[in-house]
Amino acid sequence: MTPPSDTPLTLLSSGKVRELYDAGQGRLLMVASDRISAFDVIMDEPIPDKGRVLTAMTAYWLEELSDLAPNHLISADAAEFPEGAAALPGGLEELSGRAMLVRRADMLDIECIVRGYLSGSAYKEYERTQTVHGMAMPAGLRHADRLPEPIFTPSTKAVLGHDLNIGMAEAVDLVGREAAEAAAELCLAAYARAAARAEEQGIVICDTKFELGFIDGELSICDEVLTPDSSRFWPADDCAPGTNPPSFDKQPLRDWLEAQPWDKQPPPPSLPDEIVSATSTRYVDAYERVCGRFLGDWYGA
């Protein structure tokens, strides 16, 4: 039964960036806020348009990948949200552009990461052992080098602390062989499609994290898809091996925080207006460059 419009949807969880509400009838309302975290600490200042960028990019990629697998999206149009959404803080105006009505899924207990280039924790492991997630790699690779082929590198889903990189054998132990192999095949195909699309826009997708789950027995793409919060996007013309390419994400914020006398524990320092603005611009640029669309045409403009 749909709740009356003056009764807000029930909040199921609130994370660093998102709220998740019970929308009834096997559905959820996922709301992406403008909150931003760095070094596992949520900043006090919101980043304008961040939630709209995450939602718009996810909707774009779900459409682009729809022939590869089902997905959880029902609608990103606030006019189609269930009664009770309008009673949430800020009403439909606040939700417009930053929320998705989705189908519930039985989520896989692993993070599904695909890497096309050497960076991040994979590069640190390679420096130590010449491996990535336990897989042997060619000698002599540099930071930002393209891997011989994209690789599926799962990790755990940590309730507290950081996710842990694991190999395929551990993924099989967690979710079963059939699901792990199907996840690897789907994620590698989705990455290949997305990387080719992004390359047409002059963007390199270094790596990305997918969330998969079963909906009506079918492995489906869920949650956030190919956004700056789940992916490393690099400008193709500034992506030389051996360098640390600038990424379309919260880098201006991290760089500023690194220069502050802060111990990376709450409370965080107050962000100056120019850092908030620069970070917002970086997110909007990511959407418009990667997807080739104008954020002003998305809901909630």
C-alpha atoms as a PDB file:
ATOM      1  CA  MET A   1       0.000   0.000   0.000  1.00  0.00           C
ATOM      2  CA  THR A   2       1.372   3.406  -0.991  1.00  0.00           C
ATOM      3  CA  PRO A   3       1.636   5.786   1.987  1.00  0.00           C
ATOM      4  CA  PRO A   4      -0.361   9.037   1.853  1.00  0.00           C
ATOM      5  CA  SER A   5       1.485  12.062   0.522  1.00  0.00           C
ATOM      6  CA  ASP A   6       1.829  13.703   3.963  1.00  0.00           C
ATOM      7  CA  THR A   7       3.680  10.636   5.311  1.00  0.00           C
ATOM      8  CA  PRO A   8       7.314  10.578   4.185  1.00  0.00           C
ATOM      9  CA  LEU A   9       8.929   7.429   2.847  1.00  0.00           C
ATOM     10  CA  THR A  10      10.763   5.378   5.477  1.00  0.00           C
ATOM     11  CA  LEU A  11      14.512   6.028   5.654  1.00  0.00           C
ATOM     12  CA  LEU A  12      16.409   2.736   5.423  1.00  0.00           C
ATOM     13  CA  SER A  13      19.978   4.012   5.518  1.00  0.00           C
ATOM     14  CA  SER A  14      22.051   7.166   5.296  1.00  0.00           C
ATOM     15  CA  GLY A  15      25.635   6.958   4.070  1.00  0.00           C
ATOM     16  CA  LYS A  16      28.407   9.424   3.361  1.00  0.00           C
ATOM     17  CA  VAL A  17      26.714  10.599   0.187  1.00  0.00           C
ATOM     18  CA  ARG A  18      23.307   8.889  -0.170  1.00  0.00           C
ATOM     19  CA  GLU A  19      20.012   8.287   1.542  1.00  0.00           C
ATOM     20  CA  LEU A  20      18.005   5.152   0.775  1.00  0.00           C
ATOM     21  CA  TYR A  21      14.225   5.078   1.311  1.00  0.00           C
ATOM     22  CA  ASP A  22      11.642   2.313   1.152  1.00  0.00           C
ATOM     23  CA  ALA A  23       9.364   3.206  -1.769  1.00  0.00           C
ATOM     24  CA  GLY A  24       7.093   0.186  -1.365  1.00  0.00           C
ATOM     25  CA  GLN A  25       6.220  -2.545  -3.867  1.00  0.00           C
ATOM     26  CA  GLY A  26       9.793  -3.855  -4.003  1.00  0.00           C
ATOM     27  CA  ARG A  27      11.191  -0.425  -4.839  1.00  0.00           C
ATOM     28  CA  LEU A  28      13.703   1.968  -3.301  1.00  0.00           C
ATOM     29  CA  LEU A  29      14.277   5.699  -3.668  1.00  0.00           C
ATOM     30  CA  MET A  30      18.013   6.460  -3.879  1.00  0.00           C
ATOM     31  CA  VAL A  31      18.891  10.084  -3.183  1.00  0.00           C
ATOM     32  CA  ALA A  32      22.373  11.430  -3.945  1.00  0.00           C
ATOM     33  CA  SER A  33      23.187  14.404  -1.734  1.00  0.00           C
ATOM     34  CA  ASP A  34      25.736  17.153  -2.341  1.00  0.00           C
ATOM     35  CA  ARG A  35      27.797  15.919   0.610  1.00  0.00           C
ATOM     36  CA  ILE A  36      31.414  15.107  -0.071  1.00  0.00           C
ATOM     37  CA  SER A  37      33.938  13.107   1.899  1.00  0.00           C
ATOM     38  CA  ALA A  38      37.712  12.998   1.766  1.00  0.00           C
ATOM     39  CA  PHE A  39      39.985  10.737   3.781  1.00  0.00           C
ATOM     40  CA  ASP A  40      36.791   9.087   5.097  1.00  0.00           C
ATOM     41  CA  VAL A  41      35.601  12.358   6.675  1.00  0.00           C
ATOM     42  CA  ILE A  42      32.469  14.180   5.497  1.00  0.00           C
ATOM     43  CA  MET A  43      33.058  17.877   4.866  1.00  0.00           C
ATOM     44  CA  ASP A  44      30.706  20.456   6.383  1.00  0.00           C
ATOM     45  CA  GLU A  45      30.156  22.284   3.088  1.00  0.00           C
ATOM     46  CA  PRO A  46      28.062  20.726   0.298  1.00  0.00           C
ATOM     47  CA  ILE A  47      29.314  20.723  -3.304  1.00  0.00           C
ATOM     48  CA  PRO A  48      26.660  22.300  -5.574  1.00  0.00           C
ATOM     49  CA  ASP A  49      25.337  19.979  -8.325  1.00  0.00           C
ATOM     50  CA  LYS A  50      27.331  16.950  -7.130  1.00  0.00           C
ATOM     51  CA  GLY A  51      24.216  14.873  -6.448  1.00  0.00           C
ATOM     52  CA  ARG A  52      22.728  15.780  -9.823  1.00  0.00           C
ATOM     53  CA  VAL A  53      25.977  14.823 -11.594  1.00  0.00           C
ATOM     54  CA  LEU A  54      26.134  11.406  -9.902  1.00  0.00           C
ATOM     55  CA  THR A  55      22.503  10.699 -10.777  1.00  0.00           C
ATOM     56  CA  ALA A  56      22.669  12.013 -14.346  1.00  0.00           C
ATOM     57  CA  MET A  57      25.825  10.039 -15.115  1.00  0.00           C
ATOM     58  CA  THR A  58      24.376   6.857 -13.663  1.00  0.00           C
ATOM     59  CA  ALA A  59      21.209   7.236 -15.759  1.00  0.00           C
ATOM     60  CA  TYR A  60      23.295   7.895 -18.876  1.00  0.00           C
ATOM     61  CA  TRP A  61      25.437   4.808 -18.431  1.00  0.00           C
ATOM     62  CA  LEU A  62      22.526   2.545 -17.520  1.00  0.00           C
ATOM     63  CA  GLU A  63      20.992   3.524 -20.860  1.00  0.00           C
ATOM     64  CA  GLU A  64      24.279   2.958 -22.712  1.00  0.00           C
ATOM     65  CA  LEU A  65      24.762  -0.489 -21.141  1.00  0.00           C
ATOM     66  CA  SER A  66      21.139  -1.642 -21.225  1.00  0.00           C
ATOM     67  CA  ASP A  67      21.746  -4.266 -23.911  1.00  0.00           C
ATOM     68  CA  LEU A  68      24.465  -5.941 -21.821  1.00  0.00           C
ATOM     69  CA  ALA A  69      22.397  -6.566 -18.690  1.00  0.00           C
ATOM     70  CA  PRO A  70      19.223  -5.489 -16.901  1.00  0.00           C
ATOM     71  CA  ASN A  71      19.508  -2.675 -14.356  1.00  0.00           C
ATOM     72  CA  HIS A  72      17.595  -1.416 -11.342  1.00  0.00           C
ATOM     73  CA  LEU A  73      16.424   1.966 -12.673  1.00  0.00           C
ATOM     74  CA  ILE A  74      12.689   2.605 -12.923  1.00  0.00           C
ATOM     75  CA  SER A  75      12.702   6.404 -13.268  1.00  0.00           C
ATOM     76  CA  ALA A  76      14.762   9.500 -12.461  1.00  0.00           C
ATOM     77  CA  ASP A  77      11.757  11.780 -13.067  1.00  0.00           C
ATOM     78  CA  ALA A  78      10.500  13.123  -9.718  1.00  0.00           C
ATOM     79  CA  ALA A  79       6.985  13.351 -11.176  1.00  0.00           C
ATOM     80  CA  GLU A  80       6.973   9.534 -11.230  1.00  0.00           C
ATOM     81  CA  PHE A  81       8.132   9.048  -7.641  1.00  0.00           C
ATOM     82  CA  PRO A  82       5.665   7.436  -5.199  1.00  0.00           C
ATOM     83  CA  GLU A  83       3.491   9.325  -2.763  1.00  0.00           C
ATOM     84  CA  GLY A  84       5.534  10.029   0.315  1.00  0.00           C
ATOM     85  CA  ALA A  85       8.516  11.331  -1.658  1.00  0.00           C
ATOM     86  CA  ALA A  86       7.009  14.808  -1.649  1.00  0.00           C
ATOM     87  CA  ALA A  87       6.958  14.758   2.168  1.00  0.00           C
ATOM     88  CA  LEU A  88      10.720  14.211   2.402  1.00  0.00           C
ATOM     89  CA  PRO A  89      12.934  17.200   3.352  1.00  0.00           C
ATOM     90  CA  GLY A  90      12.814  19.770   0.559  1.00  0.00           C
ATOM     91  CA  GLY A  91      10.016  17.922  -1.262  1.00  0.00           C
ATOM     92  CA  LEU A  92      10.106  16.972  -4.923  1.00  0.00           C
ATOM     93  CA  GLU A  93      11.980  20.164  -5.818  1.00  0.00           C
ATOM     94  CA  GLU A  94      14.925  19.056  -3.685  1.00  0.00           C
ATOM     95  CA  LEU A  95      14.767  15.498  -5.056  1.00  0.00           C
ATOM     96  CA  SER A  96      14.553  16.526  -8.698  1.00  0.00           C
ATOM     97  CA  GLY A  97      17.689  15.489 -10.581  1.00  0.00           C
ATOM     98  CA  ARG A  98      19.370  13.787  -7.633  1.00  0.00           C
ATOM     99  CA  ALA A  99      17.093  10.803  -6.956  1.00  0.00           C
ATOM    100  CA  MET A 100      16.251   7.541  -8.705  1.00  0.00           C
ATOM    101  CA  LEU A 101      13.341   5.191  -8.183  1.00  0.00           C
ATOM    102  CA  VAL A 102      14.836   1.707  -8.465  1.00  0.00           C
ATOM    103  CA  ARG A 103      13.964  -1.947  -8.049  1.00  0.00           C
ATOM    104  CA  ARG A 104      15.272  -3.796  -5.013  1.00  0.00           C
ATOM    105  CA  ALA A 105      18.059  -6.260  -5.726  1.00  0.00           C
ATOM    106  CA  ASP A 106      19.793  -9.061  -3.888  1.00  0.00           C
ATOM    107  CA  MET A 107      23.232  -7.460  -3.983  1.00  0.00           C
ATOM    108  CA  LEU A 108      26.472  -9.386  -4.500  1.00  0.00           C
ATOM    109  CA  ASP A 109      28.760  -9.325  -1.485  1.00  0.00           C
ATOM    110  CA  ILE A 110      31.736  -8.051  -3.483  1.00  0.00           C
ATOM    111  CA  GLU A 111      32.786  -4.791  -5.091  1.00  0.00           C
ATOM    112  CA  CYS A 112      33.242  -5.415  -8.828  1.00  0.00           C
ATOM    113  CA  ILE A 113      36.254  -3.381  -9.941  1.00  0.00           C
ATOM    114  CA  VAL A 114      37.696  -3.291 -13.455  1.00  0.00           C
ATOM    115  CA  ARG A 115      41.107  -1.767 -14.110  1.00  0.00           C
ATOM    116  CA  GLY A 116      42.362  -0.755 -17.532  1.00  0.00           C
ATOM    117  CA  TYR A 117      45.378   1.229 -16.317  1.00  0.00           C
ATOM    118  CA  LEU A 118      47.818   0.959 -13.436  1.00  0.00           C
ATOM    119  CA  SER A 119      46.979   3.348 -10.614  1.00  0.00           C
ATOM    120  CA  GLY A 120      45.865   3.585  -7.003  1.00  0.00           C
ATOM    121  CA  SER A 121      46.157   0.527  -4.774  1.00  0.00           C
ATOM    122  CA  ALA A 122      46.919  -1.636  -7.816  1.00  0.00           C
ATOM    123  CA  TYR A 123      50.040   0.405  -8.561  1.00  0.00           C
ATOM    124  CA  LYS A 124      51.174   0.226  -4.927  1.00  0.00           C
ATOM    125  CA  GLU A 125      50.829  -3.572  -5.005  1.00  0.00           C
ATOM    126  CA  TYR A 126      52.648  -3.753  -8.355  1.00  0.00           C
ATOM    127  CA  GLU A 127      55.566  -1.735  -6.949  1.00  0.00           C
ATOM    128  CA  ARG A 128      55.914  -4.263  -4.122  1.00  0.00           C
ATOM    129  CA  THR A 129      55.295  -7.576  -5.879  1.00  0.00           C
ATOM    130  CA  GLN A 130      54.883  -7.080  -9.668  1.00  0.00           C
ATOM    131  CA  THR A 131      51.295  -8.305  -9.230  1.00  0.00           C
ATOM    132  CA  VAL A 132      47.793  -6.761  -9.246  1.00  0.00           C
ATOM    133  CA  HIS A 133      45.317  -8.508  -6.961  1.00  0.00           C
ATOM    134  CA  GLY A 134      47.749 -11.416  -6.927  1.00  0.00           C
ATOM    135  CA  MET A 135      47.914 -11.641 -10.740  1.00  0.00           C
ATOM    136  CA  ALA A 136      51.394 -11.461 -12.288  1.00  0.00           C
ATOM    137  CA  MET A 137      51.946  -8.404 -14.483  1.00  0.00           C
ATOM    138  CA  PRO A 138      54.675  -7.609 -17.040  1.00  0.00           C
ATOM    139  CA  ALA A 139      57.871  -6.078 -15.684  1.00  0.00           C
ATOM    140  CA  GLY A 140      58.645  -2.418 -16.167  1.00  0.00           C
ATOM    141  CA  LEU A 141      55.137  -0.941 -15.944  1.00  0.00           C
ATOM    142  CA  ARG A 142      54.861   2.670 -14.793  1.00  0.00           C
ATOM    143  CA  HIS A 143      52.099   4.571 -13.073  1.00  0.00           C
ATOM    144  CA  ALA A 144      49.283   5.320 -15.552  1.00  0.00           C
ATOM    145  CA  ASP A 145      50.495   2.632 -17.968  1.00  0.00           C
ATOM    146  CA  ARG A 146      47.753   0.857 -19.875  1.00  0.00           C
ATOM    147  CA  LEU A 147      47.480  -2.769 -18.790  1.00  0.00           C
ATOM    148  CA  PRO A 148      47.881  -5.473 -21.473  1.00  0.00           C
ATOM    149  CA  GLU A 149      44.106  -5.963 -21.157  1.00  0.00           C
ATOM    150  CA  PRO A 150      41.458  -4.800 -18.665  1.00  0.00           C
ATOM    151  CA  ILE A 151      41.299  -6.996 -15.570  1.00  0.00           C
ATOM    152  CA  PHE A 152      38.540  -7.813 -13.080  1.00  0.00           C
ATOM    153  CA  THR A 153      39.834  -7.089  -9.580  1.00  0.00           C
ATOM    154  CA  PRO A 154      37.152  -7.576  -6.914  1.00  0.00           C
ATOM    155  CA  SER A 155      37.278  -6.388  -3.327  1.00  0.00           C
ATOM    156  CA  THR A 156      35.365  -7.013  -0.144  1.00  0.00           C
ATOM    157  CA  LYS A 157      32.543  -4.758   1.041  1.00  0.00           C
ATOM    158  CA  ALA A 158      33.703  -3.463   4.388  1.00  0.00           C
ATOM    159  CA  VAL A 159      31.000  -2.389   6.846  1.00  0.00           C
ATOM    160  CA  LEU A 160      33.673  -0.516   8.784  1.00  0.00           C
ATOM    161  CA  GLY A 161      37.080   0.614   7.558  1.00  0.00           C
ATOM    162  CA  HIS A 162      38.367   0.032   4.040  1.00  0.00           C
ATOM    163  CA  ASP A 163      37.468  -2.575   1.439  1.00  0.00           C
ATOM    164  CA  LEU A 164      40.150  -5.222   0.945  1.00  0.00           C
ATOM    165  CA  ASN A 165      41.452  -6.239  -2.487  1.00  0.00           C
ATOM    166  CA  ILE A 166      40.885  -9.938  -3.149  1.00  0.00           C
ATOM    167  CA  GLY A 167      41.521 -12.401  -5.951  1.00  0.00           C
ATOM    168  CA  MET A 168      39.019 -14.367  -7.983  1.00  0.00           C
ATOM    169  CA  ALA A 169      39.345 -17.391  -5.675  1.00  0.00           C
ATOM    170  CA  GLU A 170      38.221 -15.335  -2.678  1.00  0.00           C
ATOM    171  CA  ALA A 171      35.381 -13.827  -4.739  1.00  0.00           C
ATOM    172  CA  VAL A 172      34.206 -17.339  -5.569  1.00  0.00           C
ATOM    173  CA  ASP A 173      34.276 -18.195  -1.867  1.00  0.00           C
ATOM    174  CA  LEU A 174      32.100 -15.158  -1.109  1.00  0.00           C
ATOM    175  CA  VAL A 175      29.445 -15.342  -3.853  1.00  0.00           C
ATOM    176  CA  GLY A 176      29.898 -18.715  -5.588  1.00  0.00           C
ATOM    177  CA  ARG A 177      31.659 -19.581  -8.828  1.00  0.00           C
ATOM    178  CA  GLU A 178      28.721 -18.989 -11.175  1.00  0.00           C
ATOM    179  CA  ALA A 179      27.957 -15.522  -9.806  1.00  0.00           C
ATOM    180  CA  ALA A 180      31.626 -14.495  -9.620  1.00  0.00           C
ATOM    181  CA  GLU A 181      32.338 -15.550 -13.195  1.00  0.00           C
ATOM    182  CA  ALA A 182      29.139 -13.914 -14.487  1.00  0.00           C
ATOM    183  CA  ALA A 183      30.067 -10.703 -12.643  1.00  0.00           C
ATOM    184  CA  ALA A 184      33.553 -10.684 -14.147  1.00  0.00           C
ATOM    185  CA  GLU A 185      32.225 -11.235 -17.665  1.00  0.00           C
ATOM    186  CA  LEU A 186      29.564  -8.525 -17.339  1.00  0.00           C
ATOM    187  CA  CYS A 187      31.857  -5.948 -15.746  1.00  0.00           C
ATOM    188  CA  LEU A 188      34.618  -6.441 -18.313  1.00  0.00           C
ATOM    189  CA  ALA A 189      32.088  -6.037 -21.145  1.00  0.00           C
ATOM    190  CA  ALA A 190      30.592  -2.920 -19.506  1.00  0.00           C
ATOM    191  CA  TYR A 191      34.035  -1.411 -18.983  1.00  0.00           C
ATOM    192  CA  ALA A 192      35.031  -2.072 -22.605  1.00  0.00           C
ATOM    193  CA  ARG A 193      31.845  -0.380 -23.838  1.00  0.00           C
ATOM    194  CA  ALA A 194      32.241   2.595 -21.501  1.00  0.00           C
ATOM    195  CA  ALA A 195      35.963   3.023 -22.200  1.00  0.00           C
ATOM    196  CA  ALA A 196      35.323   3.120 -25.954  1.00  0.00           C
ATOM    197  CA  ARG A 197      32.506   5.678 -25.518  1.00  0.00           C
ATOM    198  CA  ALA A 198      34.627   7.848 -23.222  1.00  0.00           C
ATOM    199  CA  GLU A 199      37.610   7.674 -25.566  1.00  0.00           C
ATOM    200  CA  GLU A 200      35.441   9.272 -28.248  1.00  0.00           C
ATOM    201  CA  GLN A 201      35.069  12.217 -25.841  1.00  0.00           C
ATOM    202  CA  GLY A 202      38.811  12.434 -25.141  1.00  0.00           C
ATOM    203  CA  ILE A 203      38.533  10.739 -21.742  1.00  0.00           C
ATOM    204  CA  VAL A 204      40.381   7.704 -20.378  1.00  0.00           C
ATOM    205  CA  ILE A 205      38.608   5.518 -17.822  1.00  0.00           C
ATOM    206  CA  CYS A 206      41.477   4.298 -15.689  1.00  0.00           C
ATOM    207  CA  ASP A 207      39.326   2.072 -13.486  1.00  0.00           C
ATOM    208  CA  THR A 208      35.765   1.812 -12.216  1.00  0.00           C
ATOM    209  CA  LYS A 209      33.691   0.015  -9.614  1.00  0.00           C
ATOM    210  CA  PHE A 210      30.374  -1.666 -10.424  1.00  0.00           C
ATOM    211  CA  GLU A 211      27.715  -2.838  -7.983  1.00  0.00           C
ATOM    212  CA  LEU A 212      25.780  -5.882  -9.155  1.00  0.00           C
ATOM    213  CA  GLY A 213      22.756  -7.691  -7.766  1.00  0.00           C
ATOM    214  CA  PHE A 214      20.090 -10.178  -8.747  1.00  0.00           C
ATOM    215  CA  ILE A 215      16.661  -8.846  -9.751  1.00  0.00           C
ATOM    216  CA  ASP A 216      14.078 -11.520 -10.562  1.00  0.00           C
ATOM    217  CA  GLY A 217      16.935 -14.010 -10.818  1.00  0.00           C
ATOM    218  CA  GLU A 218      18.929 -11.980 -13.362  1.00  0.00           C
ATOM    219  CA  LEU A 219      22.315 -10.418 -12.645  1.00  0.00           C
ATOM    220  CA  SER A 220      21.724  -6.667 -12.937  1.00  0.00           C
ATOM    221  CA  ILE A 221      23.702  -3.425 -12.806  1.00  0.00           C
ATOM    222  CA  CYS A 222      22.732  -1.421  -9.718  1.00  0.00           C
ATOM    223  CA  ASP A 223      23.579   1.596  -7.588  1.00  0.00           C
ATOM    224  CA  GLU A 224      26.007   4.180  -8.962  1.00  0.00           C
ATOM    225  CA  VAL A 225      27.542   3.592 -12.405  1.00  0.00           C
ATOM    226  CA  LEU A 226      30.667   5.145 -13.940  1.00  0.00           C
ATOM    227  CA  THR A 227      30.657   8.406 -11.989  1.00  0.00           C
ATOM    228  CA  PRO A 228      33.614  10.412 -10.612  1.00  0.00           C
ATOM    229  CA  ASP A 229      32.927   8.851  -7.189  1.00  0.00           C
ATOM    230  CA  SER A 230      33.207   5.288  -8.519  1.00  0.00           C
ATOM    231  CA  SER A 231      35.728   5.779 -11.345  1.00  0.00           C
ATOM    232  CA  ARG A 232      38.999   7.459 -12.252  1.00  0.00           C
ATOM    233  CA  PHE A 233      38.533   9.609 -15.362  1.00  0.00           C
ATOM    234  CA  TRP A 234      41.633  11.109 -16.960  1.00  0.00           C
ATOM    235  CA  PRO A 235      41.911  13.574 -19.865  1.00  0.00           C
ATOM    236  CA  ALA A 236      43.392  11.555 -22.737  1.00  0.00           C
ATOM    237  CA  ASP A 237      45.689  14.420 -23.747  1.00  0.00           C
ATOM    238  CA  ASP A 238      47.237  14.582 -20.256  1.00  0.00           C
ATOM    239  CA  CYS A 239      47.678  10.906 -19.488  1.00  0.00           C
ATOM    240  CA  ALA A 240      51.346  10.047 -20.005  1.00  0.00           C
ATOM    241  CA  PRO A 241      52.760   6.869 -18.426  1.00  0.00           C
ATOM    242  CA  GLY A 242      55.001   7.638 -15.469  1.00  0.00           C
ATOM    243  CA  THR A 243      52.922  10.664 -14.457  1.00  0.00           C
ATOM    244  CA  ASN A 244      49.939  11.164 -12.128  1.00  0.00           C
ATOM    245  CA  PRO A 245      47.213  12.366 -14.521  1.00  0.00           C
ATOM    246  CA  PRO A 246      44.666  14.898 -13.197  1.00  0.00           C
ATOM    247  CA  SER A 247      41.344  13.194 -12.540  1.00  0.00           C
ATOM    248  CA  PHE A 248      37.800  14.510 -12.856  1.00  0.00           C
ATOM    249  CA  ASP A 249      36.825  14.073  -9.228  1.00  0.00           C
ATOM    250  CA  LYS A 250      37.454  15.587  -5.806  1.00  0.00           C
ATOM    251  CA  GLN A 251      41.153  16.197  -6.514  1.00  0.00           C
ATOM    252  CA  PRO A 252      41.017  19.980  -5.867  1.00  0.00           C
ATOM    253  CA  LEU A 253      39.545  19.224  -2.455  1.00  0.00           C
ATOM    254  CA  ARG A 254      42.098  16.532  -1.588  1.00  0.00           C
ATOM    255  CA  ASP A 255      45.007  18.713  -2.716  1.00  0.00           C
ATOM    256  CA  TRP A 256      43.802  21.600  -0.542  1.00  0.00           C
ATOM    257  CA  LEU A 257      43.248  19.365   2.481  1.00  0.00           C
ATOM    258  CA  GLU A 258      46.720  17.844   2.130  1.00  0.00           C
ATOM    259  CA  ALA A 259      48.189  21.336   2.463  1.00  0.00           C
ATOM    260  CA  GLN A 260      46.291  22.063   5.707  1.00  0.00           C
ATOM    261  CA  PRO A 261      47.458  21.414   9.290  1.00  0.00           C
ATOM    262  CA  TRP A 262      44.768  18.752   9.708  1.00  0.00           C
ATOM    263  CA  ASP A 263      45.138  15.249  11.153  1.00  0.00           C
ATOM    264  CA  LYS A 264      42.430  13.788   8.843  1.00  0.00           C
ATOM    265  CA  GLN A 265      40.115  13.205  11.782  1.00  0.00           C
ATOM    266  CA  PRO A 266      36.739  14.918  12.371  1.00  0.00           C
ATOM    267  CA  PRO A 267      36.033  17.765  12.455  1.00  0.00           C
ATOM    268  CA  PRO A 268      37.367  18.778   9.037  1.00  0.00           C
ATOM    269  CA  PRO A 269      38.590  22.293   8.290  1.00  0.00           C
ATOM    270  CA  SER A 270      36.089  24.712   6.743  1.00  0.00           C
ATOM    271  CA  LEU A 271      36.374  24.763   2.969  1.00  0.00           C
ATOM    272  CA  PRO A 272      36.977  28.124   1.265  1.00  0.00           C
ATOM    273  CA  ASP A 273      34.473  29.150  -1.406  1.00  0.00           C
ATOM    274  CA  GLU A 274      37.007  28.739  -4.205  1.00  0.00           C
ATOM    275  CA  ILE A 275      37.635  25.073  -3.297  1.00  0.00           C
ATOM    276  CA  VAL A 276      33.896  24.365  -3.156  1.00  0.00           C
ATOM    277  CA  SER A 277      33.465  26.053  -6.537  1.00  0.00           C
ATOM    278  CA  ALA A 278      36.463  24.298  -8.130  1.00  0.00           C
ATOM    279  CA  THR A 279      35.246  20.899  -6.930  1.00  0.00           C
ATOM    280  CA  SER A 280      31.726  21.536  -8.223  1.00  0.00           C
ATOM    281  CA  THR A 281      33.129  22.587 -11.601  1.00  0.00           C
ATOM    282  CA  ARG A 282      35.230  19.404 -11.765  1.00  0.00           C
ATOM    283  CA  TYR A 283      32.141  17.215 -11.248  1.00  0.00           C
ATOM    284  CA  VAL A 284      30.068  19.098 -13.815  1.00  0.00           C
ATOM    285  CA  ASP A 285      32.957  18.915 -16.310  1.00  0.00           C
ATOM    286  CA  ALA A 286      33.115  15.158 -15.773  1.00  0.00           C
ATOM    287  CA  TYR A 287      29.469  14.723 -16.730  1.00  0.00           C
ATOM    288  CA  GLU A 288      29.565  17.041 -19.708  1.00  0.00           C
ATOM    289  CA  ARG A 289      32.873  15.750 -21.109  1.00  0.00           C
ATOM    290  CA  VAL A 290      32.359  12.052 -20.463  1.00  0.00           C
ATOM    291  CA  CYS A 291      28.697  11.887 -21.455  1.00  0.00           C
ATOM    292  CA  GLY A 292      28.708  14.645 -24.060  1.00  0.00           C
ATOM    293  CA  ARG A 293      25.596  16.192 -22.501  1.00  0.00           C
ATOM    294  CA  PHE A 294      24.780  19.512 -20.815  1.00  0.00           C
ATOM    295  CA  LEU A 295      23.907  19.322 -17.102  1.00  0.00           C
ATOM    296  CA  GLY A 296      21.482  22.189 -17.590  1.00  0.00           C
ATOM    297  CA  ASP A 297      19.278  19.795 -19.573  1.00  0.00           C
ATOM    298  CA  TRP A 298      19.039  17.349 -16.661  1.00  0.00           C
ATOM    299  CA  TYR A 299      16.253  17.335 -14.071  1.00  0.00           C
ATOM    300  CA  GLY A 300      16.496  19.942 -11.336  1.00  0.00           C
ATOM    301  CA  ALA A 301      18.289  22.631 -13.323  1.00  0.00           C
END
